Amino acid sequence: MAKKSQVAREKNRKRLVDKYIEKRKELKLKGDYEGLAKLPRNSNPIRLRNRCAVTGRSRGFYRKFGISRLTFRQMALEGKIPGIRKASW
């Protein structure tokens, strides 16, 4: 489980990215790089990090499911992910 402060920081970044996305797009089209520099740094989508929706883990993240590999394995074994089961041949 990730630290709550890390998860909260990531949530704040996501909120800022959503807030400034239109303004950022508009400034980029105009070529106003000074205006872009005045926006908050955390409003840049590059700063976002994918995190597991359950545990907040940042590494081993599966985009398709939105969870980490460890959570994925646990949920798959419990049958909580439709269409996924452990391979055996």
PDB file of N, CA and C in Angstrom:
ATOM      1  N   MET A   1       0.839  -1.179   0.000  1.00  0.00           N
ATOM      2  CA  MET A   1       0.000   0.000   0.000  1.00  0.00           C
ATOM      3  C   MET A   1       0.885   1.243   0.000  1.00  0.00           C
ATOM      4  N   ALA A   2       0.608   2.155  -0.917  1.00  0.00           N
ATOM      5  CA  ALA A   2       1.388   3.381  -1.017  1.00  0.00           C
ATOM      6  C   ALA A   2       1.031   4.334   0.123  1.00  0.00           C
ATOM      7  N   LYS A   3       1.942   5.259   0.381  1.00  0.00           N
ATOM      8  CA  LYS A   3       1.670   6.253   1.411  1.00  0.00           C
ATOM      9  C   LYS A   3       0.478   7.105   0.995  1.00  0.00           C
ATOM     10  N   LYS A   4      -0.341   7.469   1.954  1.00  0.00           N
ATOM     11  CA  LYS A   4      -1.531   8.266   1.652  1.00  0.00           C
ATOM     12  C   LYS A   4      -1.157   9.624   1.082  1.00  0.00           C
ATOM     13  N   SER A   5      -0.020  10.161   1.509  1.00  0.00           N
ATOM     14  CA  SER A   5       0.413  11.463   1.006  1.00  0.00           C
ATOM     15  C   SER A   5       0.744  11.391  -0.485  1.00  0.00           C
ATOM     16  N   GLN A   6       1.325  10.269  -0.915  1.00  0.00           N
ATOM     17  CA  GLN A   6       1.652  10.100  -2.337  1.00  0.00           C
ATOM     18  C   GLN A   6       0.380  10.016  -3.178  1.00  0.00           C
ATOM     19  N   VAL A   7      -0.594   9.274  -2.682  1.00  0.00           N
ATOM     20  CA  VAL A   7      -1.858   9.127  -3.399  1.00  0.00           C
ATOM     21  C   VAL A   7      -2.578  10.468  -3.465  1.00  0.00           C
ATOM     22  N   ALA A   8      -2.574  11.214  -2.360  1.00  0.00           N
ATOM     23  CA  ALA A   8      -3.223  12.523  -2.311  1.00  0.00           C
ATOM     24  C   ALA A   8      -2.537  13.506  -3.256  1.00  0.00           C
ATOM     25  N   ARG A   9      -1.213  13.453  -3.315  1.00  0.00           N
ATOM     26  CA  ARG A   9      -0.459  14.335  -4.202  1.00  0.00           C
ATOM     27  C   ARG A   9      -0.814  14.048  -5.657  1.00  0.00           C
ATOM     28  N   GLU A  10      -0.957  12.770  -5.977  1.00  0.00           N
ATOM     29  CA  GLU A  10      -1.303  12.377  -7.339  1.00  0.00           C
ATOM     30  C   GLU A  10      -2.722  12.829  -7.696  1.00  0.00           C
ATOM     31  N   LYS A  11      -3.631  12.746  -6.731  1.00  0.00           N
ATOM     32  CA  LYS A  11      -5.007  13.213  -6.952  1.00  0.00           C
ATOM     33  C   LYS A  11      -5.029  14.705  -7.240  1.00  0.00           C
ATOM     34  N   ASN A  12      -4.221  15.448  -6.500  1.00  0.00           N
ATOM     35  CA  ASN A  12      -4.143  16.896  -6.693  1.00  0.00           C
ATOM     36  C   ASN A  12      -3.597  17.210  -8.085  1.00  0.00           C
ATOM     37  N   ARG A  13      -2.582  16.467  -8.510  1.00  0.00           N
ATOM     38  CA  ARG A  13      -2.034  16.669  -9.851  1.00  0.00           C
ATOM     39  C   ARG A  13      -3.085  16.404 -10.915  1.00  0.00           C
ATOM     40  N   LYS A  14      -3.849  15.323 -10.750  1.00  0.00           N
ATOM     41  CA  LYS A  14      -4.897  14.973 -11.715  1.00  0.00           C
ATOM     42  C   LYS A  14      -5.939  16.086 -11.806  1.00  0.00           C
ATOM     43  N   ARG A  15      -6.292  16.646 -10.641  1.00  0.00           N
ATOM     44  CA  ARG A  15      -7.269  17.734 -10.601  1.00  0.00           C
ATOM     45  C   ARG A  15      -6.734  18.961 -11.339  1.00  0.00           C
ATOM     46  N   LEU A  16      -5.460  19.297 -11.128  1.00  0.00           N
ATOM     47  CA  LEU A  16      -4.854  20.450 -11.800  1.00  0.00           C
ATOM     48  C   LEU A  16      -4.753  20.236 -13.306  1.00  0.00           C
ATOM     49  N   VAL A  17      -4.412  19.034 -13.717  1.00  0.00           N
ATOM     50  CA  VAL A  17      -4.316  18.734 -15.157  1.00  0.00           C
ATOM     51  C   VAL A  17      -5.691  18.933 -15.801  1.00  0.00           C
ATOM     52  N   ASP A  18      -6.738  18.416 -15.162  1.00  0.00           N
ATOM     53  CA  ASP A  18      -8.089  18.559 -15.705  1.00  0.00           C
ATOM     54  C   ASP A  18      -8.526  20.025 -15.747  1.00  0.00           C
ATOM     55  N   LYS A  19      -8.111  20.788 -14.751  1.00  0.00           N
ATOM     56  CA  LYS A  19      -8.513  22.198 -14.655  1.00  0.00           C
ATOM     57  C   LYS A  19      -7.879  23.044 -15.761  1.00  0.00           C
ATOM     58  N   TYR A  20      -6.608  22.790 -16.059  1.00  0.00           N
ATOM     59  CA  TYR A  20      -5.863  23.649 -16.978  1.00  0.00           C
ATOM     60  C   TYR A  20      -5.695  23.070 -18.379  1.00  0.00           C
ATOM     61  N   ILE A  21      -6.344  21.954 -18.691  1.00  0.00           N
ATOM     62  CA  ILE A  21      -6.089  21.300 -19.982  1.00  0.00           C
ATOM     63  C   ILE A  21      -6.482  22.183 -21.177  1.00  0.00           C
ATOM     64  N   GLU A  22      -7.625  22.868 -21.067  1.00  0.00           N
ATOM     65  CA  GLU A  22      -8.067  23.724 -22.177  1.00  0.00           C
ATOM     66  C   GLU A  22      -7.157  24.937 -22.334  1.00  0.00           C
ATOM     67  N   LYS A  23      -6.824  25.568 -21.215  1.00  0.00           N
ATOM     68  CA  LYS A  23      -5.952  26.740 -21.259  1.00  0.00           C
ATOM     69  C   LYS A  23      -4.577  26.382 -21.807  1.00  0.00           C
ATOM     70  N   ARG A  24      -4.057  25.225 -21.398  1.00  0.00           N
ATOM     71  CA  ARG A  24      -2.753  24.760 -21.862  1.00  0.00           C
ATOM     72  C   ARG A  24      -2.778  24.513 -23.371  1.00  0.00           C
ATOM     73  N   LYS A  25      -3.863  23.888 -23.860  1.00  0.00           N
ATOM     74  CA  LYS A  25      -3.993  23.612 -25.292  1.00  0.00           C
ATOM     75  C   LYS A  25      -4.040  24.920 -26.089  1.00  0.00           C
ATOM     76  N   GLU A  26      -4.790  25.880 -25.563  1.00  0.00           N
ATOM     77  CA  GLU A  26      -4.941  27.179 -26.220  1.00  0.00           C
ATOM     78  C   GLU A  26      -3.600  27.922 -26.291  1.00  0.00           C
ATOM     79  N   LEU A  27      -2.861  27.929 -25.188  1.00  0.00           N
ATOM     80  CA  LEU A  27      -1.559  28.608 -25.163  1.00  0.00           C
ATOM     81  C   LEU A  27      -0.564  27.935 -26.086  1.00  0.00           C
ATOM     82  N   LYS A  28      -0.621  26.612 -26.191  1.00  0.00           N
ATOM     83  CA  LYS A  28       0.295  25.902 -27.097  1.00  0.00           C
ATOM     84  C   LYS A  28       0.019  26.251 -28.551  1.00  0.00           C
ATOM     85  N   LEU A  29      -1.280  26.349 -28.909  1.00  0.00           N
ATOM     86  CA  LEU A  29      -1.631  26.712 -30.288  1.00  0.00           C
ATOM     87  C   LEU A  29      -1.152  28.117 -30.639  1.00  0.00           C
ATOM     88  N   LYS A  30      -1.237  29.040 -29.665  1.00  0.00           N
ATOM     89  CA  LYS A  30      -0.774  30.410 -29.890  1.00  0.00           C
ATOM     90  C   LYS A  30       0.740  30.500 -29.912  1.00  0.00           C
ATOM     91  N   GLY A  31       1.405  29.537 -29.294  1.00  0.00           N
ATOM     92  CA  GLY A  31       2.861  29.581 -29.185  1.00  0.00           C
ATOM     93  C   GLY A  31       3.327  30.461 -28.042  1.00  0.00           C
ATOM     94  N   ASP A  32       2.446  30.705 -27.079  1.00  0.00           N
ATOM     95  CA  ASP A  32       2.756  31.557 -25.919  1.00  0.00           C
ATOM     96  C   ASP A  32       3.418  30.725 -24.825  1.00  0.00           C
ATOM     97  N   TYR A  33       4.743  30.581 -24.945  1.00  0.00           N
ATOM     98  CA  TYR A  33       5.463  29.735 -23.996  1.00  0.00           C
ATOM     99  C   TYR A  33       5.689  30.432 -22.659  1.00  0.00           C
ATOM    100  N   GLU A  34       5.652  31.757 -22.654  1.00  0.00           N
ATOM    101  CA  GLU A  34       5.752  32.483 -21.391  1.00  0.00           C
ATOM    102  C   GLU A  34       4.482  32.269 -20.562  1.00  0.00           C
ATOM    103  N   GLY A  35       3.352  32.265 -21.246  1.00  0.00           N
ATOM    104  CA  GLY A  35       2.082  32.000 -20.569  1.00  0.00           C
ATOM    105  C   GLY A  35       2.025  30.582 -20.031  1.00  0.00           C
ATOM    106  N   LEU A  36       2.565  29.651 -20.798  1.00  0.00           N
ATOM    107  CA  LEU A  36       2.624  28.259 -20.346  1.00  0.00           C
ATOM    108  C   LEU A  36       3.502  28.122 -19.106  1.00  0.00           C
ATOM    109  N   ALA A  37       4.589  28.876 -19.082  1.00  0.00           N
ATOM    110  CA  ALA A  37       5.516  28.806 -17.947  1.00  0.00           C
ATOM    111  C   ALA A  37       4.885  29.338 -16.671  1.00  0.00           C
ATOM    112  N   LYS A  38       3.897  30.222 -16.801  1.00  0.00           N
ATOM    113  CA  LYS A  38       3.239  30.805 -15.623  1.00  0.00           C
ATOM    114  C   LYS A  38       2.189  29.882 -15.008  1.00  0.00           C
ATOM    115  N   LEU A  39       1.778  28.861 -15.758  1.00  0.00           N
ATOM    116  CA  LEU A  39       0.815  27.899 -15.209  1.00  0.00           C
ATOM    117  C   LEU A  39       1.499  27.048 -14.139  1.00  0.00           C
ATOM    118  N   PRO A  40       0.719  26.472 -13.223  1.00  0.00           N
ATOM    119  CA  PRO A  40       1.324  25.606 -12.199  1.00  0.00           C
ATOM    120  C   PRO A  40       2.049  24.430 -12.840  1.00  0.00           C
ATOM    121  N   ARG A  41       3.191  24.065 -12.278  1.00  0.00           N
ATOM    122  CA  ARG A  41       3.974  22.959 -12.840  1.00  0.00           C
ATOM    123  C   ARG A  41       3.206  21.651 -12.828  1.00  0.00           C
ATOM    124  N   ASN A  42       2.441  21.426 -11.785  1.00  0.00           N
ATOM    125  CA  ASN A  42       1.712  20.165 -11.662  1.00  0.00           C
ATOM    126  C   ASN A  42       0.507  20.085 -12.593  1.00  0.00           C
ATOM    127  N   SER A  43       0.254  21.139 -13.381  1.00  0.00           N
ATOM    128  CA  SER A  43      -0.841  21.082 -14.345  1.00  0.00           C
ATOM    129  C   SER A  43      -0.392  20.448 -15.659  1.00  0.00           C
ATOM    130  N   ASN A  44       0.882  20.091 -15.741  1.00  0.00           N
ATOM    131  CA  ASN A  44       1.420  19.431 -16.929  1.00  0.00           C
ATOM    132  C   ASN A  44       1.121  17.932 -16.863  1.00  0.00           C
ATOM    133  N   PRO A  45       0.471  17.370 -17.897  1.00  0.00           N
ATOM    134  CA  PRO A  45       0.114  15.938 -17.861  1.00  0.00           C
ATOM    135  C   PRO A  45       1.308  15.001 -17.761  1.00  0.00           C
ATOM    136  N   ILE A  46       2.504  15.466 -18.125  1.00  0.00           N
ATOM    137  CA  ILE A  46       3.707  14.641 -18.033  1.00  0.00           C
ATOM    138  C   ILE A  46       3.990  14.254 -16.586  1.00  0.00           C
ATOM    139  N   ARG A  47       3.582  15.088 -15.655  1.00  0.00           N
ATOM    140  CA  ARG A  47       3.860  14.837 -14.248  1.00  0.00           C
ATOM    141  C   ARG A  47       2.965  13.770 -13.624  1.00  0.00           C
ATOM    142  N   LEU A  48       1.919  13.352 -14.327  1.00  0.00           N
ATOM    143  CA  LEU A  48       1.032  12.324 -13.790  1.00  0.00           C
ATOM    144  C   LEU A  48       1.728  10.970 -13.782  1.00  0.00           C
ATOM    145  N   ARG A  49       1.418  10.177 -12.791  1.00  0.00           N
ATOM    146  CA  ARG A  49       1.968   8.828 -12.667  1.00  0.00           C
ATOM    147  C   ARG A  49       0.800   7.876 -12.493  1.00  0.00           C
ATOM    148  N   ASN A  50       0.775   6.801 -13.265  1.00  0.00           N
ATOM    149  CA  ASN A  50      -0.289   5.817 -13.123  1.00  0.00           C
ATOM    150  C   ASN A  50      -0.176   5.114 -11.777  1.00  0.00           C
ATOM    151  N   ARG A  51      -1.281   5.029 -11.067  1.00  0.00           N
ATOM    152  CA  ARG A  51      -1.289   4.363  -9.769  1.00  0.00           C
ATOM    153  C   ARG A  51      -2.454   3.398  -9.698  1.00  0.00           C
ATOM    154  N   CYS A  52      -2.241   2.312  -8.952  1.00  0.00           N
ATOM    155  CA  CYS A  52      -3.276   1.305  -8.738  1.00  0.00           C
ATOM    156  C   CYS A  52      -4.464   1.952  -8.035  1.00  0.00           C
ATOM    157  N   ALA A  53      -5.667   1.671  -8.517  1.00  0.00           N
ATOM    158  CA  ALA A  53      -6.871   2.251  -7.932  1.00  0.00           C
ATOM    159  C   ALA A  53      -7.154   1.688  -6.547  1.00  0.00           C
ATOM    160  N   VAL A  54      -6.650   0.495  -6.256  1.00  0.00           N
ATOM    161  CA  VAL A  54      -6.919  -0.162  -4.975  1.00  0.00           C
ATOM    162  C   VAL A  54      -5.856   0.181  -3.940  1.00  0.00           C
ATOM    163  N   THR A  55      -4.581  -0.026  -4.297  1.00  0.00           N
ATOM    164  CA  THR A  55      -3.503   0.118  -3.321  1.00  0.00           C
ATOM    165  C   THR A  55      -2.693   1.396  -3.461  1.00  0.00           C
ATOM    166  N   GLY A  56      -2.738   2.035  -4.626  1.00  0.00           N
ATOM    167  CA  GLY A  56      -1.942   3.229  -4.860  1.00  0.00           C
ATOM    168  C   GLY A  56      -0.529   2.937  -5.336  1.00  0.00           C
ATOM    169  N   ARG A  57      -0.228   1.660  -5.557  1.00  0.00           N
ATOM    170  CA  ARG A  57       1.102   1.263  -6.022  1.00  0.00           C
ATOM    171  C   ARG A  57       1.359   1.862  -7.406  1.00  0.00           C
ATOM    172  N   SER A  58       2.588   2.386  -7.617  1.00  0.00           N
ATOM    173  CA  SER A  58       2.883   3.060  -8.875  1.00  0.00           C
ATOM    174  C   SER A  58       3.593   2.162  -9.884  1.00  0.00           C
ATOM    175  N   ARG A  59       4.209   1.095  -9.410  1.00  0.00           N
ATOM    176  CA  ARG A  59       4.944   0.221 -10.331  1.00  0.00           C
ATOM    177  C   ARG A  59       4.125  -1.020 -10.660  1.00  0.00           C
ATOM    178  N   GLY A  60       4.415  -1.626 -11.815  1.00  0.00           N
ATOM    179  CA  GLY A  60       3.710  -2.836 -12.222  1.00  0.00           C
ATOM    180  C   GLY A  60       2.244  -2.559 -12.483  1.00  0.00           C
ATOM    181  N   PHE A  61       1.959  -1.465 -13.170  1.00  0.00           N
ATOM    182  CA  PHE A  61       0.590  -0.999 -13.401  1.00  0.00           C
ATOM    183  C   PHE A  61       0.069  -1.497 -14.739  1.00  0.00           C
ATOM    184  N   TYR A  62      -1.118  -2.115 -14.756  1.00  0.00           N
ATOM    185  CA  TYR A  62      -1.766  -2.539 -15.999  1.00  0.00           C
ATOM    186  C   TYR A  62      -2.805  -1.503 -16.388  1.00  0.00           C
ATOM    187  N   ARG A  63      -2.553  -0.788 -17.492  1.00  0.00           N
ATOM    188  CA  ARG A  63      -3.451   0.277 -17.932  1.00  0.00           C
ATOM    189  C   ARG A  63      -4.860  -0.226 -18.223  1.00  0.00           C
ATOM    190  N   LYS A  64      -4.943  -1.384 -18.847  1.00  0.00           N
ATOM    191  CA  LYS A  64      -6.239  -1.914 -19.255  1.00  0.00           C
ATOM    192  C   LYS A  64      -7.179  -2.106 -18.068  1.00  0.00           C
ATOM    193  N   PHE A  65      -6.618  -2.449 -16.917  1.00  0.00           N
ATOM    194  CA  PHE A  65      -7.437  -2.728 -15.739  1.00  0.00           C
ATOM    195  C   PHE A  65      -7.366  -1.627 -14.693  1.00  0.00           C
ATOM    196  N   GLY A  66      -6.352  -0.775 -14.759  1.00  0.00           N
ATOM    197  CA  GLY A  66      -6.214   0.320 -13.808  1.00  0.00           C
ATOM    198  C   GLY A  66      -5.726  -0.107 -12.433  1.00  0.00           C
ATOM    199  N   ILE A  67      -5.100  -1.289 -12.366  1.00  0.00           N
ATOM    200  CA  ILE A  67      -4.599  -1.798 -11.089  1.00  0.00           C
ATOM    201  C   ILE A  67      -3.193  -2.347 -11.269  1.00  0.00           C
ATOM    202  N   SER A  68      -2.508  -2.575 -10.136  1.00  0.00           N
ATOM    203  CA  SER A  68      -1.147  -3.101 -10.191  1.00  0.00           C
ATOM    204  C   SER A  68      -1.174  -4.607 -10.438  1.00  0.00           C
ATOM    205  N   ARG A  69      -0.019  -5.148 -10.770  1.00  0.00           N
ATOM    206  CA  ARG A  69       0.084  -6.572 -11.069  1.00  0.00           C
ATOM    207  C   ARG A  69      -0.264  -7.429  -9.865  1.00  0.00           C
ATOM    208  N   LEU A  70       0.090  -6.973  -8.676  1.00  0.00           N
ATOM    209  CA  LEU A  70      -0.187  -7.745  -7.467  1.00  0.00           C
ATOM    210  C   LEU A  70      -1.685  -7.794  -7.175  1.00  0.00           C
ATOM    211  N   THR A  71      -2.338  -6.646  -7.290  1.00  0.00           N
ATOM    212  CA  THR A  71      -3.780  -6.580  -7.082  1.00  0.00           C
ATOM    213  C   THR A  71      -4.510  -7.371  -8.155  1.00  0.00           C
ATOM    214  N   PHE A  72      -3.984  -7.277  -9.399  1.00  0.00           N
ATOM    215  CA  PHE A  72      -4.574  -8.009 -10.508  1.00  0.00           C
ATOM    216  C   PHE A  72      -4.569  -9.508 -10.234  1.00  0.00           C
ATOM    217  N   ARG A  73      -3.417 -10.012  -9.802  1.00  0.00           N
ATOM    218  CA  ARG A  73      -3.284 -11.443  -9.532  1.00  0.00           C
ATOM    219  C   ARG A  73      -4.236 -11.877  -8.425  1.00  0.00           C
ATOM    220  N   GLN A  74      -4.289 -11.102  -7.364  1.00  0.00           N
ATOM    221  CA  GLN A  74      -5.161 -11.435  -6.238  1.00  0.00           C
ATOM    222  C   GLN A  74      -6.633 -11.448  -6.663  1.00  0.00           C
ATOM    223  N   MET A  75      -7.044 -10.424  -7.399  1.00  0.00           N
ATOM    224  CA  MET A  75      -8.437 -10.333  -7.829  1.00  0.00           C
ATOM    225  C   MET A  75      -8.779 -11.415  -8.847  1.00  0.00           C
ATOM    226  N   ALA A  76      -7.817 -11.753  -9.711  1.00  0.00           N
ATOM    227  CA  ALA A  76      -8.053 -12.802 -10.704  1.00  0.00           C
ATOM    228  C   ALA A  76      -8.238 -14.152 -10.016  1.00  0.00           C
ATOM    229  N   LEU A  77      -7.431 -14.436  -9.013  1.00  0.00           N
ATOM    230  CA  LEU A  77      -7.557 -15.698  -8.288  1.00  0.00           C
ATOM    231  C   LEU A  77      -8.879 -15.783  -7.517  1.00  0.00           C
ATOM    232  N   GLU A  78      -9.358 -14.639  -7.067  1.00  0.00           N
ATOM    233  CA  GLU A  78     -10.633 -14.602  -6.347  1.00  0.00           C
ATOM    234  C   GLU A  78     -11.828 -14.587  -7.295  1.00  0.00           C
ATOM    235  N   GLY A  79     -11.564 -14.446  -8.602  1.00  0.00           N
ATOM    236  CA  GLY A  79     -12.635 -14.434  -9.599  1.00  0.00           C
ATOM    237  C   GLY A  79     -13.361 -13.109  -9.691  1.00  0.00           C
ATOM    238  N   LYS A  80     -12.715 -12.033  -9.303  1.00  0.00           N
ATOM    239  CA  LYS A  80     -13.358 -10.714  -9.291  1.00  0.00           C
ATOM    240  C   LYS A  80     -13.201  -9.957 -10.604  1.00  0.00           C
ATOM    241  N   ILE A  81     -12.386 -10.486 -11.523  1.00  0.00           N
ATOM    242  CA  ILE A  81     -12.210  -9.841 -12.827  1.00  0.00           C
ATOM    243  C   ILE A  81     -12.865 -10.739 -13.869  1.00  0.00           C
ATOM    244  N   PRO A  82     -13.933 -10.268 -14.505  1.00  0.00           N
ATOM    245  CA  PRO A  82     -14.640 -11.095 -15.477  1.00  0.00           C
ATOM    246  C   PRO A  82     -13.757 -11.490 -16.655  1.00  0.00           C
ATOM    247  N   GLY A  83     -13.810 -12.766 -17.037  1.00  0.00           N
ATOM    248  CA  GLY A  83     -13.082 -13.253 -18.202  1.00  0.00           C
ATOM    249  C   GLY A  83     -11.627 -13.581 -17.943  1.00  0.00           C
ATOM    250  N   ILE A  84     -11.164 -13.438 -16.723  1.00  0.00           N
ATOM    251  CA  ILE A  84      -9.763 -13.707 -16.405  1.00  0.00           C
ATOM    252  C   ILE A  84      -9.699 -14.883 -15.434  1.00  0.00           C
ATOM    253  N   ARG A  85      -8.850 -15.850 -15.778  1.00  0.00           N
ATOM    254  CA  ARG A  85      -8.589 -16.952 -14.839  1.00  0.00           C
ATOM    255  C   ARG A  85      -7.175 -17.428 -15.034  1.00  0.00           C
ATOM    256  N   LYS A  86      -6.650 -18.092 -14.039  1.00  0.00           N
ATOM    257  CA  LYS A  86      -5.276 -18.573 -14.060  1.00  0.00           C
ATOM    258  C   LYS A  86      -5.117 -19.641 -15.146  1.00  0.00           C
ATOM    259  N   ALA A  87      -4.043 -19.527 -15.899  1.00  0.00           N
ATOM    260  CA  ALA A  87      -3.799 -20.476 -16.975  1.00  0.00           C
ATOM    261  C   ALA A  87      -3.339 -21.817 -16.407  1.00  0.00           C
ATOM    262  N   SER A  88      -3.818 -22.875 -17.028  1.00  0.00           N
ATOM    263  CA  SER A  88      -3.299 -24.210 -16.690  1.00  0.00           C
ATOM    264  C   SER A  88      -3.447 -25.095 -17.931  1.00  0.00           C
ATOM    265  N   TRP A  89      -2.366 -25.766 -18.292  1.00  0.00           N
ATOM    266  CA  TRP A  89      -2.406 -26.641 -19.460  1.00  0.00           C
ATOM    267  C   TRP A  89      -1.568 -27.863 -19.247  1.00  0.00           C
TER     268      TRP A  89
END
